[in-house]
Amino acid sequence: MNTNNIPQKLHILIPFASKCGIEDDGIRDSMIFNCSIEELKEIVESLNDENLKIINNWLGGAEAFSPPYSNEYITFTCYIMAFEYAKARLENLDK
């Protein structure tokens, strides 16, 4: 991953984005579905309000309107999808 294409404050999340930011929906969903509760919690806890704000500003910023998208942009977009699914899985497992 080219760190020059990622906001500096998000560099700490690169390992999570690399692991969870799988472009193929089916493979990504399968990976999340097969995570342990501990792994799901780790993914969900990897993002806080500040990180989410930075990611949303980046993903909704200038690059959103100027394809082609960088691999890093796509990876972080998919990471957010994995995060949302992991969050939903945890909520359903608690019921």
N, C-alpha and C. Protein backbone atom coordinates (compact mmCIF):
# COMPACT_ATOMS: atom_id res chain seq x y z
N MET A 1 0.83 -1.17 0.00
CA MET A 1 0.00 0.00 0.00
C MET A 1 0.89 1.24 0.00
N ASN A 2 0.53 2.19 -0.83
CA ASN A 2 1.28 3.43 -0.91
C ASN A 2 0.77 4.39 0.16
N THR A 3 1.54 4.58 1.20
CA THR A 3 1.12 5.42 2.32
C THR A 3 0.94 6.89 1.91
N ASN A 4 1.54 7.30 0.79
CA ASN A 4 1.36 8.67 0.32
C ASN A 4 -0.09 8.94 -0.11
N ASN A 5 -0.85 7.87 -0.39
CA ASN A 5 -2.24 8.01 -0.82
C ASN A 5 -3.22 7.93 0.35
N ILE A 6 -2.71 7.83 1.57
CA ILE A 6 -3.54 7.66 2.76
C ILE A 6 -3.26 8.81 3.72
N PRO A 7 -4.31 9.45 4.25
CA PRO A 7 -4.07 10.50 5.24
C PRO A 7 -3.19 9.99 6.38
N GLN A 8 -2.24 10.79 6.79
CA GLN A 8 -1.24 10.42 7.81
C GLN A 8 -1.89 9.85 9.07
N LYS A 9 -2.96 10.46 9.53
CA LYS A 9 -3.59 10.02 10.78
C LYS A 9 -4.23 8.64 10.67
N LEU A 10 -4.35 8.13 9.45
CA LEU A 10 -4.94 6.80 9.24
C LEU A 10 -3.90 5.71 9.06
N HIS A 11 -2.64 6.06 9.05
CA HIS A 11 -1.59 5.06 8.84
C HIS A 11 -1.64 3.95 9.89
N ILE A 12 -2.06 4.28 11.09
CA ILE A 12 -2.16 3.27 12.14
C ILE A 12 -3.19 2.18 11.79
N LEU A 13 -4.10 2.49 10.89
CA LEU A 13 -5.15 1.54 10.50
C LEU A 13 -4.79 0.68 9.29
N ILE A 14 -3.63 0.91 8.72
CA ILE A 14 -3.24 0.17 7.52
C ILE A 14 -3.28 -1.35 7.74
N PRO A 15 -2.80 -1.88 8.87
CA PRO A 15 -2.90 -3.34 9.05
C PRO A 15 -4.35 -3.85 9.02
N PHE A 16 -5.28 -3.10 9.62
CA PHE A 16 -6.69 -3.51 9.59
C PHE A 16 -7.26 -3.39 8.19
N ALA A 17 -6.94 -2.29 7.50
CA ALA A 17 -7.43 -2.10 6.14
C ALA A 17 -6.88 -3.19 5.22
N SER A 18 -5.62 -3.54 5.41
CA SER A 18 -5.01 -4.59 4.58
C SER A 18 -5.67 -5.94 4.81
N LYS A 19 -6.03 -6.21 6.05
CA LYS A 19 -6.65 -7.49 6.39
C LYS A 19 -8.12 -7.54 5.97
N CYS A 20 -8.85 -6.47 6.24
CA CYS A 20 -10.31 -6.48 6.06
C CYS A 20 -10.79 -5.81 4.79
N GLY A 21 -9.97 -5.02 4.16
CA GLY A 21 -10.40 -4.25 3.00
C GLY A 21 -10.37 -5.05 1.73
N ILE A 22 -11.06 -6.17 1.74
CA ILE A 22 -11.10 -7.09 0.60
C ILE A 22 -12.15 -6.59 -0.39
N GLU A 23 -11.76 -6.43 -1.63
CA GLU A 23 -12.64 -5.84 -2.63
C GLU A 23 -13.82 -6.74 -3.00
N ASP A 24 -13.61 -8.04 -3.03
CA ASP A 24 -14.68 -8.98 -3.38
C ASP A 24 -15.67 -9.09 -2.22
N ASP A 25 -16.92 -8.70 -2.46
CA ASP A 25 -17.93 -8.71 -1.40
C ASP A 25 -18.11 -10.08 -0.75
N GLY A 26 -18.17 -11.11 -1.56
CA GLY A 26 -18.39 -12.45 -1.03
C GLY A 26 -17.24 -12.93 -0.16
N ILE A 27 -16.03 -12.70 -0.61
CA ILE A 27 -14.85 -13.12 0.17
C ILE A 27 -14.76 -12.32 1.45
N ARG A 28 -15.00 -11.01 1.36
CA ARG A 28 -14.96 -10.15 2.55
C ARG A 28 -16.04 -10.57 3.55
N ASP A 29 -17.26 -10.79 3.07
CA ASP A 29 -18.34 -11.19 3.97
C ASP A 29 -18.06 -12.55 4.60
N SER A 30 -17.51 -13.46 3.84
CA SER A 30 -17.15 -14.77 4.37
C SER A 30 -16.08 -14.65 5.45
N MET A 31 -15.10 -13.80 5.22
CA MET A 31 -14.04 -13.60 6.20
C MET A 31 -14.63 -13.08 7.51
N ILE A 32 -15.51 -12.08 7.42
CA ILE A 32 -16.13 -11.52 8.62
C ILE A 32 -17.04 -12.55 9.28
N PHE A 33 -17.80 -13.26 8.50
CA PHE A 33 -18.72 -14.26 9.05
C PHE A 33 -17.97 -15.32 9.85
N ASN A 34 -16.76 -15.65 9.41
CA ASN A 34 -15.98 -16.70 10.06
C ASN A 34 -15.06 -16.20 11.17
N CYS A 35 -15.10 -14.90 11.46
CA CYS A 35 -14.28 -14.36 12.54
C CYS A 35 -14.82 -14.81 13.90
N SER A 36 -13.92 -14.97 14.83
CA SER A 36 -14.32 -15.22 16.21
C SER A 36 -14.89 -13.93 16.80
N ILE A 37 -15.55 -14.04 17.93
CA ILE A 37 -16.08 -12.86 18.61
C ILE A 37 -14.94 -11.89 18.93
N GLU A 38 -13.80 -12.42 19.35
CA GLU A 38 -12.66 -11.57 19.67
C GLU A 38 -12.18 -10.82 18.44
N GLU A 39 -12.13 -11.50 17.30
CA GLU A 39 -11.69 -10.86 16.06
C GLU A 39 -12.69 -9.78 15.62
N LEU A 40 -13.98 -10.07 15.75
CA LEU A 40 -15.00 -9.08 15.41
C LEU A 40 -14.85 -7.84 16.28
N LYS A 41 -14.65 -8.05 17.58
CA LYS A 41 -14.47 -6.92 18.49
C LYS A 41 -13.23 -6.11 18.12
N GLU A 42 -12.18 -6.79 17.74
CA GLU A 42 -10.94 -6.10 17.35
C GLU A 42 -11.18 -5.21 16.13
N ILE A 43 -11.92 -5.72 15.15
CA ILE A 43 -12.22 -4.94 13.94
C ILE A 43 -13.08 -3.73 14.30
N VAL A 44 -14.12 -3.97 15.09
CA VAL A 44 -15.03 -2.88 15.47
C VAL A 44 -14.31 -1.84 16.31
N GLU A 45 -13.49 -2.28 17.23
CA GLU A 45 -12.78 -1.35 18.11
C GLU A 45 -11.61 -0.65 17.43
N SER A 46 -11.26 -1.10 16.22
CA SER A 46 -10.15 -0.47 15.50
C SER A 46 -10.50 0.94 15.06
N LEU A 47 -11.78 1.22 14.92
CA LEU A 47 -12.22 2.54 14.47
C LEU A 47 -12.94 3.27 15.58
N ASN A 48 -12.51 4.51 15.80
CA ASN A 48 -13.20 5.36 16.76
C ASN A 48 -13.83 6.52 15.99
N ASP A 49 -14.54 7.38 16.69
CA ASP A 49 -15.23 8.49 16.03
C ASP A 49 -14.29 9.39 15.24
N GLU A 50 -13.11 9.65 15.82
CA GLU A 50 -12.15 10.51 15.12
C GLU A 50 -11.67 9.86 13.82
N ASN A 51 -11.31 8.57 13.88
CA ASN A 51 -10.86 7.87 12.67
C ASN A 51 -11.96 7.83 11.62
N LEU A 52 -13.19 7.56 12.07
CA LEU A 52 -14.31 7.49 11.12
C LEU A 52 -14.53 8.85 10.44
N LYS A 53 -14.39 9.92 11.19
CA LYS A 53 -14.55 11.25 10.62
C LYS A 53 -13.48 11.51 9.56
N ILE A 54 -12.24 11.15 9.86
CA ILE A 54 -11.14 11.35 8.90
C ILE A 54 -11.37 10.50 7.65
N ILE A 55 -11.77 9.25 7.86
CA ILE A 55 -12.02 8.36 6.71
C ILE A 55 -13.17 8.90 5.87
N ASN A 56 -14.25 9.30 6.51
CA ASN A 56 -15.40 9.81 5.76
C ASN A 56 -15.06 11.08 5.00
N ASN A 57 -14.26 11.96 5.60
CA ASN A 57 -13.82 13.17 4.89
C ASN A 57 -12.95 12.82 3.68
N TRP A 58 -12.09 11.84 3.86
CA TRP A 58 -11.21 11.41 2.76
C TRP A 58 -12.03 10.74 1.66
N LEU A 59 -12.84 9.75 2.05
CA LEU A 59 -13.58 8.98 1.04
C LEU A 59 -14.68 9.80 0.36
N GLY A 60 -15.14 10.84 1.05
CA GLY A 60 -16.15 11.71 0.47
C GLY A 60 -15.58 12.98 -0.12
N GLY A 61 -14.26 13.07 -0.14
CA GLY A 61 -13.58 14.27 -0.63
C GLY A 61 -13.34 14.26 -2.13
N ALA A 62 -12.30 14.95 -2.52
CA ALA A 62 -11.98 15.16 -3.94
C ALA A 62 -11.81 13.86 -4.71
N GLU A 63 -11.18 12.86 -4.09
CA GLU A 63 -10.94 11.60 -4.82
C GLU A 63 -12.24 10.90 -5.19
N ALA A 64 -13.29 11.13 -4.42
CA ALA A 64 -14.58 10.50 -4.72
C ALA A 64 -15.13 10.94 -6.07
N PHE A 65 -14.69 12.11 -6.52
CA PHE A 65 -15.20 12.68 -7.77
C PHE A 65 -14.19 12.63 -8.91
N SER A 66 -13.09 11.91 -8.69
CA SER A 66 -12.06 11.89 -9.73
C SER A 66 -11.50 10.49 -9.92
N PRO A 67 -12.36 9.55 -10.40
CA PRO A 67 -11.83 8.22 -10.70
C PRO A 67 -10.74 8.31 -11.76
N PRO A 68 -9.87 7.35 -11.90
CA PRO A 68 -9.91 6.07 -11.19
C PRO A 68 -9.43 6.23 -9.75
N TYR A 69 -10.02 5.43 -8.89
CA TYR A 69 -9.69 5.49 -7.47
C TYR A 69 -8.38 4.76 -7.19
N SER A 70 -7.66 5.26 -6.22
CA SER A 70 -6.41 4.59 -5.84
C SER A 70 -6.75 3.27 -5.16
N ASN A 71 -5.80 2.36 -5.20
CA ASN A 71 -5.99 1.07 -4.50
C ASN A 71 -6.25 1.30 -3.01
N GLU A 72 -5.60 2.30 -2.46
CA GLU A 72 -5.75 2.61 -1.04
C GLU A 72 -7.17 3.11 -0.74
N TYR A 73 -7.70 3.92 -1.62
CA TYR A 73 -9.06 4.43 -1.47
C TYR A 73 -10.04 3.25 -1.49
N ILE A 74 -9.87 2.34 -2.41
CA ILE A 74 -10.74 1.17 -2.52
C ILE A 74 -10.59 0.28 -1.30
N THR A 75 -9.36 0.06 -0.86
CA THR A 75 -9.11 -0.79 0.30
C THR A 75 -9.77 -0.22 1.55
N PHE A 76 -9.65 1.06 1.78
CA PHE A 76 -10.28 1.67 2.96
C PHE A 76 -11.80 1.68 2.84
N THR A 77 -12.32 1.85 1.62
CA THR A 77 -13.76 1.76 1.42
C THR A 77 -14.27 0.37 1.81
N CYS A 78 -13.55 -0.65 1.38
CA CYS A 78 -13.92 -2.03 1.71
C CYS A 78 -13.73 -2.33 3.19
N TYR A 79 -12.73 -1.72 3.79
CA TYR A 79 -12.50 -1.85 5.24
C TYR A 79 -13.71 -1.32 6.00
N ILE A 80 -14.26 -0.19 5.57
CA ILE A 80 -15.46 0.36 6.22
C ILE A 80 -16.63 -0.62 6.07
N MET A 81 -16.77 -1.24 4.90
CA MET A 81 -17.84 -2.22 4.71
C MET A 81 -17.64 -3.41 5.65
N ALA A 82 -16.40 -3.86 5.80
CA ALA A 82 -16.10 -4.97 6.72
C ALA A 82 -16.40 -4.56 8.15
N PHE A 83 -16.03 -3.34 8.52
CA PHE A 83 -16.31 -2.81 9.85
C PHE A 83 -17.81 -2.83 10.14
N GLU A 84 -18.60 -2.35 9.19
CA GLU A 84 -20.05 -2.31 9.37
C GLU A 84 -20.64 -3.71 9.52
N TYR A 85 -20.16 -4.65 8.73
CA TYR A 85 -20.66 -6.02 8.82
C TYR A 85 -20.22 -6.66 10.14
N ALA A 86 -19.00 -6.41 10.56
CA ALA A 86 -18.51 -6.95 11.83
C ALA A 86 -19.35 -6.40 12.99
N LYS A 87 -19.67 -5.13 12.92
CA LYS A 87 -20.50 -4.50 13.95
C LYS A 87 -21.88 -5.15 14.00
N ALA A 88 -22.47 -5.38 12.84
CA ALA A 88 -23.78 -6.02 12.77
C ALA A 88 -23.71 -7.46 13.28
N ARG A 89 -22.64 -8.17 12.93
CA ARG A 89 -22.49 -9.56 13.40
C ARG A 89 -22.42 -9.59 14.92
N LEU A 90 -21.65 -8.69 15.52
CA LEU A 90 -21.55 -8.64 16.98
C LEU A 90 -22.90 -8.36 17.62
N GLU A 91 -23.64 -7.42 17.04
CA GLU A 91 -24.96 -7.09 17.58
C GLU A 91 -25.90 -8.29 17.50
N ASN A 92 -25.85 -9.03 16.41
CA ASN A 92 -26.70 -10.21 16.26
C ASN A 92 -26.28 -11.34 17.16
N LEU A 93 -24.99 -11.48 17.42
CA LEU A 93 -24.52 -12.53 18.31
C LEU A 93 -24.89 -12.27 19.76
N ASP A 94 -25.10 -11.00 20.09
CA ASP A 94 -25.47 -10.62 21.46
C ASP A 94 -26.94 -10.91 21.74
N LYS A 95 -27.72 -11.15 20.71
CA LYS A 95 -29.17 -11.38 20.90
C LYS A 95 -29.47 -12.80 21.27
